[in-house]
């Protein structure tokens, strides 16, 4: 395998998951769905 693969940075969604780890939204607020792709009706 290419030895430079270890130098790659994490994917953006992996970074977001790490940033949001342990954060809980306020229970009294409705979630805002941020879907990517086809509309979710």
PDB file of N, CA and C in Angstrom:
ATOM      1  N   UNK A   1       0.822  -1.186   0.000  1.00  0.00           N
ATOM      2  CA  UNK A   1       0.000   0.000   0.000  1.00  0.00           C
ATOM      3  C   UNK A   1       0.864   1.248   0.000  1.00  0.00           C
ATOM      4  N   UNK A   2       0.263   2.317  -0.396  1.00  0.00           N
ATOM      5  CA  UNK A   2       0.978   3.585  -0.447  1.00  0.00           C
ATOM      6  C   UNK A   2       1.291   4.056   0.973  1.00  0.00           C
ATOM      7  N   UNK A   3       2.550   4.285   1.314  1.00  0.00           N
ATOM      8  CA  UNK A   3       2.900   4.710   2.671  1.00  0.00           C
ATOM      9  C   UNK A   3       2.405   6.119   3.003  1.00  0.00           C
ATOM     10  N   UNK A   4       2.039   6.899   2.004  1.00  0.00           N
ATOM     11  CA  UNK A   4       1.551   8.258   2.250  1.00  0.00           C
ATOM     12  C   UNK A   4       0.084   8.304   2.667  1.00  0.00           C
ATOM     13  N   UNK A   5      -0.613   7.174   2.639  1.00  0.00           N
ATOM     14  CA  UNK A   5      -2.018   7.156   3.051  1.00  0.00           C
ATOM     15  C   UNK A   5      -2.184   7.604   4.499  1.00  0.00           C
ATOM     16  N   UNK A   6      -1.216   7.322   5.330  1.00  0.00           N
ATOM     17  CA  UNK A   6      -1.293   7.707   6.744  1.00  0.00           C
ATOM     18  C   UNK A   6      -1.238   9.222   6.917  1.00  0.00           C
ATOM     19  N   UNK A   7      -0.769   9.928   5.905  1.00  0.00           N
ATOM     20  CA  UNK A   7      -0.661  11.384   5.996  1.00  0.00           C
ATOM     21  C   UNK A   7      -1.964  12.097   5.638  1.00  0.00           C
ATOM     22  N   UNK A   8      -2.944  11.361   5.108  1.00  0.00           N
ATOM     23  CA  UNK A   8      -4.218  11.972   4.736  1.00  0.00           C
ATOM     24  C   UNK A   8      -4.966  12.450   5.973  1.00  0.00           C
ATOM     25  N   UNK A   9      -5.696  13.546   5.816  1.00  0.00           N
ATOM     26  CA  UNK A   9      -6.510  14.063   6.915  1.00  0.00           C
ATOM     27  C   UNK A   9      -7.841  13.323   6.950  1.00  0.00           C
ATOM     28  N   UNK A  10      -8.529  13.332   8.099  1.00  0.00           N
ATOM     29  CA  UNK A  10      -9.832  12.669   8.187  1.00  0.00           C
ATOM     30  C   UNK A  10     -10.846  13.339   7.256  1.00  0.00           C
ATOM     31  N   UNK A  11     -11.855  12.587   6.875  1.00  0.00           N
ATOM     32  CA  UNK A  11     -12.933  13.135   6.059  1.00  0.00           C
ATOM     33  C   UNK A  11     -13.678  14.201   6.850  1.00  0.00           C
ATOM     34  N   UNK A  12     -14.308  15.174   6.160  1.00  0.00           N
ATOM     35  CA  UNK A  12     -15.019  16.254   6.861  1.00  0.00           C
ATOM     36  C   UNK A  12     -16.088  15.753   7.836  1.00  0.00           C
ATOM     37  N   UNK A  13     -16.832  14.702   7.460  1.00  0.00           N
ATOM     38  CA  UNK A  13     -17.881  14.223   8.356  1.00  0.00           C
ATOM     39  C   UNK A  13     -17.298  13.543   9.593  1.00  0.00           C
ATOM     40  N   UNK A  14     -16.122  12.962   9.475  1.00  0.00           N
ATOM     41  CA  UNK A  14     -15.454  12.400  10.654  1.00  0.00           C
ATOM     42  C   UNK A  14     -15.043  13.527  11.598  1.00  0.00           C
ATOM     43  N   UNK A  15     -14.579  14.643  11.039  1.00  0.00           N
ATOM     44  CA  UNK A  15     -14.215  15.798  11.865  1.00  0.00           C
ATOM     45  C   UNK A  15     -15.445  16.352  12.578  1.00  0.00           C
ATOM     46  N   UNK A  16     -16.571  16.463  11.851  1.00  0.00           N
ATOM     47  CA  UNK A  16     -17.805  16.962  12.466  1.00  0.00           C
ATOM     48  C   UNK A  16     -18.270  16.048  13.589  1.00  0.00           C
ATOM     49  N   UNK A  17     -18.204  14.740  13.357  1.00  0.00           N
ATOM     50  CA  UNK A  17     -18.625  13.781  14.388  1.00  0.00           C
ATOM     51  C   UNK A  17     -17.796  13.966  15.654  1.00  0.00           C
ATOM     52  N   UNK A  18     -16.508  14.195  15.492  1.00  0.00           N
ATOM     53  CA  UNK A  18     -15.636  14.407  16.652  1.00  0.00           C
ATOM     54  C   UNK A  18     -15.973  15.721  17.356  1.00  0.00           C
ATOM     55  N   UNK A  19     -16.284  16.763  16.582  1.00  0.00           N
ATOM     56  CA  UNK A  19     -16.631  18.053  17.183  1.00  0.00           C
ATOM     57  C   UNK A  19     -17.941  17.987  17.970  1.00  0.00           C
ATOM     58  N   UNK A  20     -18.907  17.232  17.445  1.00  0.00           N
ATOM     59  CA  UNK A  20     -20.224  17.157  18.075  1.00  0.00           C
ATOM     60  C   UNK A  20     -20.322  16.074  19.144  1.00  0.00           C
ATOM     61  N   UNK A  21     -19.293  15.294  19.343  1.00  0.00           N
ATOM     62  CA  UNK A  21     -19.327  14.210  20.328  1.00  0.00           C
ATOM     63  C   UNK A  21     -19.597  14.778  21.720  1.00  0.00           C
ATOM     64  N   UNK A  22     -20.573  14.204  22.391  1.00  0.00           N
ATOM     65  CA  UNK A  22     -20.886  14.619  23.752  1.00  0.00           C
ATOM     66  C   UNK A  22     -21.806  15.821  23.848  1.00  0.00           C
ATOM     67  N   UNK A  23     -22.198  16.400  22.721  1.00  0.00           N
ATOM     68  CA  UNK A  23     -23.101  17.557  22.737  1.00  0.00           C
ATOM     69  C   UNK A  23     -24.529  17.060  22.577  1.00  0.00           C
ATOM     70  N   UNK A  24     -25.393  17.466  23.470  1.00  0.00           N
ATOM     71  CA  UNK A  24     -26.803  17.100  23.404  1.00  0.00           C
ATOM     72  C   UNK A  24     -27.631  18.351  23.137  1.00  0.00           C
ATOM     73  N   UNK A  25     -28.556  18.299  22.166  1.00  0.00           N
ATOM     74  CA  UNK A  25     -29.399  19.463  21.896  1.00  0.00           C
ATOM     75  C   UNK A  25     -30.420  19.662  23.010  1.00  0.00           C
ATOM     76  N   UNK A  26     -30.931  20.889  23.170  1.00  0.00           N
ATOM     77  CA  UNK A  26     -31.970  21.131  24.165  1.00  0.00           C
ATOM     78  C   UNK A  26     -33.202  20.268  23.864  1.00  0.00           C
ATOM     79  N   UNK A  27     -33.746  19.643  24.872  1.00  0.00           N
ATOM     80  CA  UNK A  27     -34.862  18.712  24.690  1.00  0.00           C
ATOM     81  C   UNK A  27     -36.141  19.412  24.242  1.00  0.00           C
ATOM     82  N   UNK A  28     -36.296  20.691  24.546  1.00  0.00           N
ATOM     83  CA  UNK A  28     -37.540  21.394  24.226  1.00  0.00           C
ATOM     84  C   UNK A  28     -37.583  21.935  22.796  1.00  0.00           C
ATOM     85  N   UNK A  29     -36.516  21.786  22.029  1.00  0.00           N
ATOM     86  CA  UNK A  29     -36.479  22.284  20.653  1.00  0.00           C
ATOM     87  C   UNK A  29     -36.603  21.144  19.651  1.00  0.00           C
ATOM     88  N   UNK A  30     -37.326  21.412  18.544  1.00  0.00           N
ATOM     89  CA  UNK A  30     -37.439  20.428  17.474  1.00  0.00           C
ATOM     90  C   UNK A  30     -36.130  20.386  16.693  1.00  0.00           C
ATOM     91  N   UNK A  31     -35.696  19.206  16.270  1.00  0.00           N
ATOM     92  CA  UNK A  31     -34.462  19.138  15.474  1.00  0.00           C
ATOM     93  C   UNK A  31     -34.671  19.735  14.085  1.00  0.00           C
ATOM     94  N   UNK A  32     -33.627  20.306  13.533  1.00  0.00           N
ATOM     95  CA  UNK A  32     -33.627  20.800  12.159  1.00  0.00           C
ATOM     96  C   UNK A  32     -32.884  19.758  11.336  1.00  0.00           C
ATOM     97  N   UNK A  33     -33.575  19.157  10.399  1.00  0.00           N
ATOM     98  CA  UNK A  33     -32.972  18.101   9.586  1.00  0.00           C
ATOM     99  C   UNK A  33     -32.195  18.732   8.439  1.00  0.00           C
ATOM    100  N   UNK A  34     -30.922  18.434   8.377  1.00  0.00           N
ATOM    101  CA  UNK A  34     -30.052  18.945   7.322  1.00  0.00           C
ATOM    102  C   UNK A  34     -29.679  17.794   6.397  1.00  0.00           C
ATOM    103  N   UNK A  35     -30.635  17.381   5.585  1.00  0.00           N
ATOM    104  CA  UNK A  35     -30.431  16.243   4.690  1.00  0.00           C
ATOM    105  C   UNK A  35     -29.652  16.668   3.458  1.00  0.00           C
ATOM    106  N   UNK A  36     -28.816  15.773   2.998  1.00  0.00           N
ATOM    107  CA  UNK A  36     -28.078  15.987   1.760  1.00  0.00           C
ATOM    108  C   UNK A  36     -28.597  14.964   0.757  1.00  0.00           C
ATOM    109  N   UNK A  37     -28.937  15.423  -0.431  1.00  0.00           N
ATOM    110  CA  UNK A  37     -29.438  14.518  -1.457  1.00  0.00           C
ATOM    111  C   UNK A  37     -30.865  14.849  -1.811  1.00  0.00           C
ATOM    112  N   UNK A  38     -31.674  13.826  -2.045  1.00  0.00           N
ATOM    113  CA  UNK A  38     -33.054  14.038  -2.453  1.00  0.00           C
ATOM    114  C   UNK A  38     -33.864  14.618  -1.303  1.00  0.00           C
ATOM    115  N   UNK A  39     -34.895  15.430  -1.641  1.00  0.00           N
ATOM    116  CA  UNK A  39     -35.738  16.022  -0.591  1.00  0.00           C
ATOM    117  C   UNK A  39     -36.389  14.952   0.284  1.00  0.00           C
ATOM    118  N   UNK A  40     -36.479  15.232   1.562  1.00  0.00           N
ATOM    119  CA  UNK A  40     -37.103  14.328   2.530  1.00  0.00           C
ATOM    120  C   UNK A  40     -38.467  14.902   2.913  1.00  0.00           C
ATOM    121  N   UNK A  41     -39.534  14.471   2.219  1.00  0.00           N
ATOM    122  CA  UNK A  41     -40.876  15.004   2.493  1.00  0.00           C
ATOM    123  C   UNK A  41     -41.620  14.105   3.432  1.00  0.00           C
TER     124      UNK A  41
END
